[in-house]
PDB file of all heavy atoms in Angstrom:
ATOM      1  N   PRO A   1      -7.832 -94.318  34.547  1.00  0.00           N
ATOM      2  CA  PRO A   1      -9.043 -93.815  35.275  1.00  0.00           C
ATOM      3  C   PRO A   1      -9.162 -94.413  36.702  1.00  0.00           C
ATOM      4  O   PRO A   1      -9.540 -93.698  37.639  1.00  0.00           O
ATOM      5  CB  PRO A   1     -10.179 -94.312  34.423  1.00  0.00           C
ATOM      6  CG  PRO A   1      -9.566 -94.342  33.028  1.00  0.00           C
ATOM      7  CD  PRO A   1      -8.183 -94.854  33.267  1.00  0.00           C
ATOM      8  N   ALA A   2      -8.824 -95.691  36.881  1.00  0.00           N
ATOM      9  CA  ALA A   2      -8.847 -96.292  38.222  1.00  0.00           C
ATOM     10  C   ALA A   2      -7.819 -95.579  39.126  1.00  0.00           C
ATOM     11  O   ALA A   2      -8.141 -95.305  40.297  1.00  0.00           O
ATOM     12  CB  ALA A   2      -8.569 -97.753  38.149  1.00  0.00           C
ATOM     13  N   LEU A   3      -6.612 -95.327  38.637  1.00  0.00           N
ATOM     14  CA  LEU A   3      -5.574 -94.675  39.461  1.00  0.00           C
ATOM     15  C   LEU A   3      -6.037 -93.293  39.853  1.00  0.00           C
ATOM     16  O   LEU A   3      -5.844 -92.822  40.974  1.00  0.00           O
ATOM     17  CB  LEU A   3      -4.296 -94.601  38.673  1.00  0.00           C
ATOM     18  CG  LEU A   3      -3.592 -95.964  38.457  1.00  0.00           C
ATOM     19  CD1 LEU A   3      -2.450 -95.783  37.460  1.00  0.00           C
ATOM     20  CD2 LEU A   3      -3.125 -96.521  39.756  1.00  0.00           C
ATOM     21  N   ILE A   4      -6.707 -92.590  38.923  1.00  0.00           N
ATOM     22  CA  ILE A   4      -7.142 -91.188  39.210  1.00  0.00           C
ATOM     23  C   ILE A   4      -8.284 -91.229  40.231  1.00  0.00           C
ATOM     24  O   ILE A   4      -8.276 -90.494  41.170  1.00  0.00           O
ATOM     25  CB  ILE A   4      -7.610 -90.474  37.898  1.00  0.00           C
ATOM     26  CG1 ILE A   4      -6.437 -90.195  37.044  1.00  0.00           C
ATOM     27  CG2 ILE A   4      -8.434 -89.278  38.189  1.00  0.00           C
ATOM     28  CD1 ILE A   4      -6.749 -89.663  35.675  1.00  0.00           C
ATOM     29  N   LYS A   5      -9.297 -92.122  40.008  1.00  0.00           N
ATOM     30  CA  LYS A   5     -10.437 -92.133  40.903  1.00  0.00           C
ATOM     31  C   LYS A   5     -10.108 -92.689  42.266  1.00  0.00           C
ATOM     32  O   LYS A   5     -10.684 -92.218  43.267  1.00  0.00           O
ATOM     33  CB  LYS A   5     -11.546 -92.935  40.232  1.00  0.00           C
ATOM     34  CG  LYS A   5     -12.019 -92.362  38.885  1.00  0.00           C
ATOM     35  CD  LYS A   5     -12.732 -91.038  39.047  1.00  0.00           C
ATOM     36  CE  LYS A   5     -13.115 -90.426  37.642  1.00  0.00           C
ATOM     37  NZ  LYS A   5     -14.124 -91.205  36.896  1.00  0.00           N
ATOM     38  N   GLU A   6      -9.259 -93.726  42.320  1.00  0.00           N
ATOM     39  CA  GLU A   6      -8.959 -94.327  43.605  1.00  0.00           C
ATOM     40  C   GLU A   6      -7.782 -93.637  44.317  1.00  0.00           C
ATOM     41  O   GLU A   6      -7.607 -93.806  45.528  1.00  0.00           O
ATOM     42  CB  GLU A   6      -8.604 -95.792  43.433  1.00  0.00           C
ATOM     43  CG  GLU A   6      -9.757 -96.642  42.958  1.00  0.00           C
ATOM     44  CD  GLU A   6     -10.832 -96.849  44.018  1.00  0.00           C
ATOM     45  OE1 GLU A   6     -10.588 -96.550  45.131  1.00  0.00           O
ATOM     46  OE2 GLU A   6     -11.931 -97.273  43.615  1.00  0.00           O
ATOM     47  N   GLY A   7      -7.018 -92.803  43.612  1.00  0.00           N
ATOM     48  CA  GLY A   7      -5.870 -92.156  44.170  1.00  0.00           C
ATOM     49  C   GLY A   7      -6.240 -90.935  44.959  1.00  0.00           C
ATOM     50  O   GLY A   7      -5.494 -90.520  45.827  1.00  0.00           O
ATOM     51  N   HIS A   8      -7.389 -90.272  44.675  1.00  0.00           N
ATOM     52  CA  HIS A   8      -7.877 -89.095  45.346  1.00  0.00           C
ATOM     53  C   HIS A   8      -6.787 -88.009  45.424  1.00  0.00           C
ATOM     54  O   HIS A   8      -6.685 -87.285  46.429  1.00  0.00           O
ATOM     55  CB  HIS A   8      -8.353 -89.498  46.757  1.00  0.00           C
ATOM     56  CG  HIS A   8      -9.372 -90.577  46.764  1.00  0.00           C
ATOM     57  ND1 HIS A   8     -10.626 -90.498  46.207  1.00  0.00           N
ATOM     58  CD2 HIS A   8      -9.278 -91.878  47.221  1.00  0.00           C
ATOM     59  CE1 HIS A   8     -11.264 -91.582  46.316  1.00  0.00           C
ATOM     60  NE2 HIS A   8     -10.523 -92.442  46.912  1.00  0.00           N
ATOM     61  N   ASP A   9      -6.094 -87.828  44.347  1.00  0.00           N
ATOM     62  CA  ASP A   9      -5.035 -86.788  44.276  1.00  0.00           C
ATOM     63  C   ASP A   9      -5.732 -85.477  43.966  1.00  0.00           C
ATOM     64  O   ASP A   9      -6.455 -85.419  42.916  1.00  0.00           O
ATOM     65  CB  ASP A   9      -4.041 -87.180  43.197  1.00  0.00           C
ATOM     66  CG  ASP A   9      -2.848 -86.224  43.092  1.00  0.00           C
ATOM     67  OD1 ASP A   9      -2.982 -85.075  43.520  1.00  0.00           O
ATOM     68  OD2 ASP A   9      -1.771 -86.594  42.620  1.00  0.00           O
ATOM     69  N   PRO A  10      -5.534 -84.404  44.799  1.00  0.00           N
ATOM     70  CA  PRO A  10      -6.207 -83.167  44.547  1.00  0.00           C
ATOM     71  C   PRO A  10      -5.905 -82.599  43.128  1.00  0.00           C
ATOM     72  O   PRO A  10      -6.715 -81.826  42.565  1.00  0.00           O
ATOM     73  CB  PRO A  10      -5.602 -82.259  45.638  1.00  0.00           C
ATOM     74  CG  PRO A  10      -5.176 -83.145  46.731  1.00  0.00           C
ATOM     75  CD  PRO A  10      -4.783 -84.410  46.031  1.00  0.00           C
ATOM     76  N   PHE A  11      -4.737 -82.954  42.579  1.00  0.00           N
ATOM     77  CA  PHE A  11      -4.347 -82.452  41.272  1.00  0.00           C
ATOM     78  C   PHE A  11      -5.403 -82.914  40.234  1.00  0.00           C
ATOM     79  O   PHE A  11      -5.716 -82.209  39.264  1.00  0.00           O
ATOM     80  CB  PHE A  11      -2.991 -83.020  40.880  1.00  0.00           C
ATOM     81  CG  PHE A  11      -2.500 -82.499  39.530  1.00  0.00           C
ATOM     82  CD1 PHE A  11      -1.857 -81.264  39.428  1.00  0.00           C
ATOM     83  CD2 PHE A  11      -2.602 -83.247  38.400  1.00  0.00           C
ATOM     84  CE1 PHE A  11      -1.375 -80.758  38.219  1.00  0.00           C
ATOM     85  CE2 PHE A  11      -2.159 -82.806  37.184  1.00  0.00           C
ATOM     86  CZ  PHE A  11      -1.520 -81.592  37.113  1.00  0.00           C
ATOM     87  N   TYR A  12      -5.968 -84.107  40.428  1.00  0.00           N
ATOM     88  CA  TYR A  12      -6.918 -84.674  39.436  1.00  0.00           C
ATOM     89  C   TYR A  12      -8.366 -84.558  39.916  1.00  0.00           C
ATOM     90  O   TYR A  12      -9.245 -85.216  39.408  1.00  0.00           O
ATOM     91  CB  TYR A  12      -6.604 -86.130  39.133  1.00  0.00           C
ATOM     92  CG  TYR A  12      -5.352 -86.324  38.314  1.00  0.00           C
ATOM     93  CD1 TYR A  12      -4.153 -86.745  38.899  1.00  0.00           C
ATOM     94  CD2 TYR A  12      -5.314 -86.001  36.959  1.00  0.00           C
ATOM     95  CE1 TYR A  12      -3.005 -86.929  38.151  1.00  0.00           C
ATOM     96  CE2 TYR A  12      -4.150 -86.186  36.214  1.00  0.00           C
ATOM     97  CZ  TYR A  12      -3.030 -86.624  36.774  1.00  0.00           C
ATOM     98  OH  TYR A  12      -1.867 -86.815  36.025  1.00  0.00           O
ATOM     99  N   GLU A  13      -8.618 -83.702  40.925  1.00  0.00           N
ATOM    100  CA  GLU A  13      -9.890 -83.675  41.574  1.00  0.00           C
ATOM    101  C   GLU A  13     -10.959 -83.351  40.551  1.00  0.00           C
ATOM    102  O   GLU A  13     -12.147 -83.904  40.638  1.00  0.00           O
ATOM    103  CB  GLU A  13      -9.926 -82.530  42.600  1.00  0.00           C
ATOM    104  CG  GLU A  13     -11.207 -82.417  43.316  1.00  0.00           C
ATOM    105  CD  GLU A  13     -11.137 -81.304  44.455  1.00  0.00           C
ATOM    106  OE1 GLU A  13     -10.107 -80.599  44.532  1.00  0.00           O
ATOM    107  OE2 GLU A  13     -12.154 -81.160  45.162  1.00  0.00           O
ATOM    108  N   LYS A  14     -10.733 -82.498  39.526  1.00  0.00           N
ATOM    109  CA  LYS A  14     -11.775 -82.104  38.578  1.00  0.00           C
ATOM    110  C   LYS A  14     -11.665 -82.821  37.213  1.00  0.00           C
ATOM    111  O   LYS A  14     -12.369 -82.531  36.326  1.00  0.00           O
ATOM    112  CB  LYS A  14     -11.814 -80.619  38.351  1.00  0.00           C
ATOM    113  CG  LYS A  14     -12.183 -79.832  39.640  1.00  0.00           C
ATOM    114  CD  LYS A  14     -12.235 -78.335  39.390  1.00  0.00           C
ATOM    115  CE  LYS A  14     -12.676 -77.595  40.653  1.00  0.00           C
ATOM    116  NZ  LYS A  14     -12.656 -76.091  40.387  1.00  0.00           N
ATOM    117  N   THR A  15     -10.658 -83.717  37.117  1.00  0.00           N
ATOM    118  CA  THR A  15     -10.410 -84.370  35.803  1.00  0.00           C
ATOM    119  C   THR A  15     -11.380 -85.463  35.587  1.00  0.00           C
ATOM    120  O   THR A  15     -11.767 -86.267  36.525  1.00  0.00           O
ATOM    121  CB  THR A  15      -9.011 -84.980  35.908  1.00  0.00           C
ATOM    122  OG1 THR A  15      -8.043 -83.966  35.961  1.00  0.00           O
ATOM    123  CG2 THR A  15      -8.711 -85.763  34.591  1.00  0.00           C
ATOM    124  N   LYS A  16     -11.871 -85.552  34.336  1.00  0.00           N
ATOM    125  CA  LYS A  16     -12.741 -86.608  33.962  1.00  0.00           C
ATOM    126  C   LYS A  16     -12.015 -87.554  32.939  1.00  0.00           C
ATOM    127  O   LYS A  16     -11.108 -87.084  32.281  1.00  0.00           O
ATOM    128  CB  LYS A  16     -14.011 -86.037  33.269  1.00  0.00           C
ATOM    129  CG  LYS A  16     -14.844 -85.128  34.141  1.00  0.00           C
ATOM    130  CD  LYS A  16     -15.451 -85.904  35.361  1.00  0.00           C
ATOM    131  CE  LYS A  16     -16.323 -85.035  36.222  1.00  0.00           C
ATOM    132  NZ  LYS A  16     -16.961 -85.763  37.283  1.00  0.00           N
ATOM    133  N   CYS A  17     -12.468 -88.751  32.848  1.00  0.00           N
ATOM    134  CA  CYS A  17     -11.787 -89.725  32.017  1.00  0.00           C
ATOM    135  C   CYS A  17     -12.711 -90.323  30.956  1.00  0.00           C
ATOM    136  O   CYS A  17     -13.843 -90.587  31.184  1.00  0.00           O
ATOM    137  CB  CYS A  17     -11.256 -90.910  32.915  1.00  0.00           C
ATOM    138  SG  CYS A  17     -10.140 -90.420  34.213  1.00  0.00           S
ATOM    139  N   VAL A  18     -12.094 -90.501  29.735  1.00  0.00           N
ATOM    140  CA  VAL A  18     -12.775 -91.055  28.645  1.00  0.00           C
ATOM    141  C   VAL A  18     -11.908 -92.275  28.105  1.00  0.00           C
ATOM    142  O   VAL A  18     -10.693 -92.110  27.985  1.00  0.00           O
ATOM    143  CB  VAL A  18     -13.008 -90.041  27.497  1.00  0.00           C
ATOM    144  CG1 VAL A  18     -13.564 -90.748  26.278  1.00  0.00           C
ATOM    145  CG2 VAL A  18     -13.897 -88.936  27.975  1.00  0.00           C
ATOM    146  N   LEU A  19     -12.589 -93.389  27.869  1.00  0.00           N
ATOM    147  CA  LEU A  19     -11.921 -94.531  27.274  1.00  0.00           C
ATOM    148  C   LEU A  19     -12.371 -94.795  25.886  1.00  0.00           C
ATOM    149  O   LEU A  19     -13.675 -94.827  25.667  1.00  0.00           O
ATOM    150  CB  LEU A  19     -12.129 -95.770  28.144  1.00  0.00           C
ATOM    151  CG  LEU A  19     -11.874 -97.146  27.490  1.00  0.00           C
ATOM    152  CD1 LEU A  19     -10.333 -97.334  27.299  1.00  0.00           C
ATOM    153  CD2 LEU A  19     -12.410 -98.288  28.338  1.00  0.00           C
ATOM    154  N   THR A  20     -11.520 -95.017  24.928  1.00  0.00           N
ATOM    155  CA  THR A  20     -11.941 -95.425  23.591  1.00  0.00           C
ATOM    156  C   THR A  20     -11.457 -96.856  23.359  1.00  0.00           C
ATOM    157  O   THR A  20     -10.263 -97.146  23.515  1.00  0.00           O
ATOM    158  CB  THR A  20     -11.373 -94.534  22.513  1.00  0.00           C
ATOM    159  OG1 THR A  20     -11.967 -93.168  22.651  1.00  0.00           O
ATOM    160  CG2 THR A  20     -11.723 -95.010  21.129  1.00  0.00           C
ATOM    161  N   ILE A  21     -12.392 -97.694  23.025  1.00  0.00           N
ATOM    162  CA  ILE A  21     -12.104 -99.113  22.658  1.00  0.00           C
ATOM    163  C   ILE A  21     -11.811 -99.183  21.135  1.00  0.00           C
ATOM    164  O   ILE A  21     -12.699 -98.995  20.311  1.00  0.00           O
ATOM    165  CB  ILE A  21     -13.260-100.036  22.962  1.00  0.00           C
ATOM    166  CG1 ILE A  21     -13.689 -99.892  24.451  1.00  0.00           C
ATOM    167  CG2 ILE A  21     -12.876-101.502  22.671  1.00  0.00           C
ATOM    168  CD1 ILE A  21     -14.995-100.557  24.789  1.00  0.00           C
ATOM    169  N   HIS A  22     -10.607 -99.454  20.777  1.00  0.00           N
ATOM    170  CA  HIS A  22     -10.212 -99.601  19.359  1.00  0.00           C
ATOM    171  C   HIS A  22     -10.237-101.114  19.024  1.00  0.00           C
ATOM    172  O   HIS A  22     -10.699-101.469  17.935  1.00  0.00           O
ATOM    173  CB  HIS A  22      -8.850 -99.000  19.098  1.00  0.00           C
ATOM    174  CG  HIS A  22      -8.742 -97.572  19.359  1.00  0.00           C
ATOM    175  ND1 HIS A  22      -8.965 -96.582  18.415  1.00  0.00           N
ATOM    176  CD2 HIS A  22      -8.529 -96.856  20.537  1.00  0.00           C
ATOM    177  CE1 HIS A  22      -8.823 -95.367  18.958  1.00  0.00           C
ATOM    178  NE2 HIS A  22      -8.575 -95.582  20.239  1.00  0.00           N
ATOM    179  N   ASN A  23      -9.661-101.910  19.865  1.00  0.00           N
ATOM    180  CA  ASN A  23      -9.647-103.319  19.692  1.00  0.00           C
ATOM    181  C   ASN A  23     -10.088-104.101  20.880  1.00  0.00           C
ATOM    182  O   ASN A  23      -9.303-104.270  21.823  1.00  0.00           O
ATOM    183  CB  ASN A  23      -8.205-103.813  19.251  1.00  0.00           C
ATOM    184  CG  ASN A  23      -8.123-105.187  18.768  1.00  0.00           C
ATOM    185  OD1 ASN A  23      -8.985-106.014  19.085  1.00  0.00           O
ATOM    186  ND2 ASN A  23      -7.106-105.492  17.929  1.00  0.00           N
ATOM    187  N   PRO A  24     -11.300-104.577  20.885  1.00  0.00           N
ATOM    188  CA  PRO A  24     -11.846-105.202  22.125  1.00  0.00           C
ATOM    189  C   PRO A  24     -11.289-106.593  22.389  1.00  0.00           C
ATOM    190  O   PRO A  24     -11.507-107.186  23.410  1.00  0.00           O
ATOM    191  CB  PRO A  24     -13.345-105.344  21.806  1.00  0.00           C
ATOM    192  CG  PRO A  24     -13.395-105.392  20.293  1.00  0.00           C
ATOM    193  CD  PRO A  24     -12.333-104.502  19.812  1.00  0.00           C
ATOM    194  N   ALA A  25     -10.515-107.120  21.427  1.00  0.00           N
ATOM    195  CA  ALA A  25      -9.931-108.492  21.623  1.00  0.00           C
ATOM    196  C   ALA A  25      -8.857-108.510  22.696  1.00  0.00           C
ATOM    197  O   ALA A  25      -8.641-109.597  23.343  1.00  0.00           O
ATOM    198  CB  ALA A  25      -9.357-109.000  20.301  1.00  0.00           C
ATOM    199  N   PHE A  26      -8.250-107.382  22.957  1.00  0.00           N
ATOM    200  CA  PHE A  26      -7.081-107.349  23.968  1.00  0.00           C
ATOM    201  C   PHE A  26      -7.551-106.708  25.215  1.00  0.00           C
ATOM    202  O   PHE A  26      -7.929-105.529  25.257  1.00  0.00           O
ATOM    203  CB  PHE A  26      -5.877-106.662  23.305  1.00  0.00           C
ATOM    204  CG  PHE A  26      -5.294-107.303  22.128  1.00  0.00           C
ATOM    205  CD1 PHE A  26      -5.697-106.975  20.872  1.00  0.00           C
ATOM    206  CD2 PHE A  26      -4.427-108.381  22.251  1.00  0.00           C
ATOM    207  CE1 PHE A  26      -5.157-107.617  19.743  1.00  0.00           C
ATOM    208  CE2 PHE A  26      -3.889-109.051  21.196  1.00  0.00           C
ATOM    209  CZ  PHE A  26      -4.261-108.636  19.892  1.00  0.00           C
ATOM    210  N   LYS A  27      -7.541-107.506  26.321  1.00  0.00           N
ATOM    211  CA  LYS A  27      -8.126-107.026  27.585  1.00  0.00           C
ATOM    212  C   LYS A  27      -7.075-106.517  28.555  1.00  0.00           C
ATOM    213  O   LYS A  27      -7.502-106.036  29.642  1.00  0.00           O
ATOM    214  CB  LYS A  27      -8.915-108.204  28.232  1.00  0.00           C
ATOM    215  CG  LYS A  27      -9.839-108.960  27.314  1.00  0.00           C
ATOM    216  CD  LYS A  27     -10.986-108.098  26.789  1.00  0.00           C
ATOM    217  CE  LYS A  27     -12.117-108.947  26.179  1.00  0.00           C
ATOM    218  NZ  LYS A  27     -11.720-109.828  25.090  1.00  0.00           N
ATOM    219  N   GLY A  28      -5.807-106.699  28.291  1.00  0.00           N
ATOM    220  CA  GLY A  28      -4.821-106.243  29.243  1.00  0.00           C
ATOM    221  C   GLY A  28      -4.824-107.070  30.512  1.00  0.00           C
ATOM    222  O   GLY A  28      -4.801-106.523  31.585  1.00  0.00           O
ATOM    223  N   TYR A  29      -4.858-108.417  30.385  1.00  0.00           N
ATOM    224  CA  TYR A  29      -4.927-109.285  31.532  1.00  0.00           C
ATOM    225  C   TYR A  29      -3.579-109.238  32.349  1.00  0.00           C
ATOM    226  O   TYR A  29      -2.482-109.096  31.816  1.00  0.00           O
ATOM    227  CB  TYR A  29      -5.141-110.724  31.109  1.00  0.00           C
ATOM    228  CG  TYR A  29      -6.476-110.985  30.554  1.00  0.00           C
ATOM    229  CD1 TYR A  29      -6.627-111.532  29.266  1.00  0.00           C
ATOM    230  CD2 TYR A  29      -7.645-110.786  31.301  1.00  0.00           C
ATOM    231  CE1 TYR A  29      -7.896-111.817  28.767  1.00  0.00           C
ATOM    232  CE2 TYR A  29      -8.904-111.036  30.793  1.00  0.00           C
ATOM    233  CZ  TYR A  29      -9.060-111.567  29.508  1.00  0.00           C
ATOM    234  OH  TYR A  29     -10.266-111.864  28.953  1.00  0.00           O
ATOM    235  N   PHE A  30      -3.707-109.351  33.688  1.00  0.00           N
ATOM    236  CA  PHE A  30      -2.541-109.552  34.542  1.00  0.00           C
ATOM    237  C   PHE A  30      -2.969-110.212  35.844  1.00  0.00           C
ATOM    238  O   PHE A  30      -4.115-110.253  36.201  1.00  0.00           O
ATOM    239  CB  PHE A  30      -1.838-108.180  34.828  1.00  0.00           C
ATOM    240  CG  PHE A  30      -2.674-107.108  35.461  1.00  0.00           C
ATOM    241  CD1 PHE A  30      -2.582-106.933  36.846  1.00  0.00           C
ATOM    242  CD2 PHE A  30      -3.520-106.286  34.702  1.00  0.00           C
ATOM    243  CE1 PHE A  30      -3.295-105.956  37.479  1.00  0.00           C
ATOM    244  CE2 PHE A  30      -4.249-105.291  35.301  1.00  0.00           C
ATOM    245  CZ  PHE A  30      -4.159-105.104  36.718  1.00  0.00           C
ATOM    246  N   ASN A  31      -2.004-110.765  36.551  1.00  0.00           N
ATOM    247  CA  ASN A  31      -2.234-111.471  37.747  1.00  0.00           C
ATOM    248  C   ASN A  31      -2.823-110.533  38.802  1.00  0.00           C
ATOM    249  O   ASN A  31      -2.262-109.434  38.955  1.00  0.00           O
ATOM    250  CB  ASN A  31      -0.907-112.098  38.238  1.00  0.00           C
ATOM    251  CG  ASN A  31      -1.112-113.078  39.369  1.00  0.00           C
ATOM    252  OD1 ASN A  31      -1.698-112.718  40.392  1.00  0.00           O
ATOM    253  ND2 ASN A  31      -0.718-114.352  39.161  1.00  0.00           N
ATOM    254  N   PRO A  32      -3.872-110.901  39.522  1.00  0.00           N
ATOM    255  CA  PRO A  32      -4.463-110.041  40.526  1.00  0.00           C
ATOM    256  C   PRO A  32      -3.394-109.564  41.582  1.00  0.00           C
ATOM    257  O   PRO A  32      -3.616-108.474  42.190  1.00  0.00           O
ATOM    258  CB  PRO A  32      -5.518-110.961  41.174  1.00  0.00           C
ATOM    259  CG  PRO A  32      -5.875-111.893  40.090  1.00  0.00           C
ATOM    260  CD  PRO A  32      -4.619-112.188  39.353  1.00  0.00           C
ATOM    261  N   TYR A  33      -2.365-110.337  41.748  1.00  0.00           N
ATOM    262  CA  TYR A  33      -1.321-109.927  42.759  1.00  0.00           C
ATOM    263  C   TYR A  33      -0.793-108.569  42.445  1.00  0.00           C
ATOM    264  O   TYR A  33      -0.416-107.857  43.315  1.00  0.00           O
ATOM    265  CB  TYR A  33      -0.210-110.992  42.652  1.00  0.00           C
ATOM    266  CG  TYR A  33       1.076-110.612  43.381  1.00  0.00           C
ATOM    267  CD1 TYR A  33       1.161-110.643  44.772  1.00  0.00           C
ATOM    268  CD2 TYR A  33       2.222-110.240  42.661  1.00  0.00           C
ATOM    269  CE1 TYR A  33       2.329-110.278  45.418  1.00  0.00           C
ATOM    270  CE2 TYR A  33       3.372-109.890  43.307  1.00  0.00           C
ATOM    271  CZ  TYR A  33       3.471-109.917  44.652  1.00  0.00           C
ATOM    272  OH  TYR A  33       4.626-109.566  45.313  1.00  0.00           O
ATOM    273  N   PHE A  34      -0.732-108.221  41.144  1.00  0.00           N
ATOM    274  CA  PHE A  34      -0.117-106.981  40.729  1.00  0.00           C
ATOM    275  C   PHE A  34      -1.049-105.736  40.881  1.00  0.00           C
ATOM    276  O   PHE A  34      -0.566-104.571  40.648  1.00  0.00           O
ATOM    277  CB  PHE A  34       0.400-107.056  39.337  1.00  0.00           C
ATOM    278  CG  PHE A  34       1.513-108.064  39.187  1.00  0.00           C
ATOM    279  CD1 PHE A  34       1.326-109.232  38.394  1.00  0.00           C
ATOM    280  CD2 PHE A  34       2.775-107.858  39.713  1.00  0.00           C
ATOM    281  CE1 PHE A  34       2.388-110.118  38.288  1.00  0.00           C
ATOM    282  CE2 PHE A  34       3.776-108.729  39.610  1.00  0.00           C
ATOM    283  CZ  PHE A  34       3.580-109.900  38.872  1.00  0.00           C
ATOM    284  N   VAL A  35      -2.279-105.968  41.257  1.00  0.00           N
ATOM    285  CA  VAL A  35      -3.129-104.818  41.554  1.00  0.00           C
ATOM    286  C   VAL A  35      -2.537-103.957  42.635  1.00  0.00           C
ATOM    287  O   VAL A  35      -2.382-102.725  42.520  1.00  0.00           O
ATOM    288  CB  VAL A  35      -4.563-105.297  41.994  1.00  0.00           C
ATOM    289  CG1 VAL A  35      -5.382-104.133  42.486  1.00  0.00           C
ATOM    290  CG2 VAL A  35      -5.292-105.980  40.824  1.00  0.00           C
TER     291      VAL A  35
END
């Protein structure tokens, strides 16, 4: 969703995003450098 919203690609202009949390224990941490 961040890539779609911040990328401003016309292909995804009308696309909406839904996130489902199945396991909230895993946050997908990574070093801020890799943003």
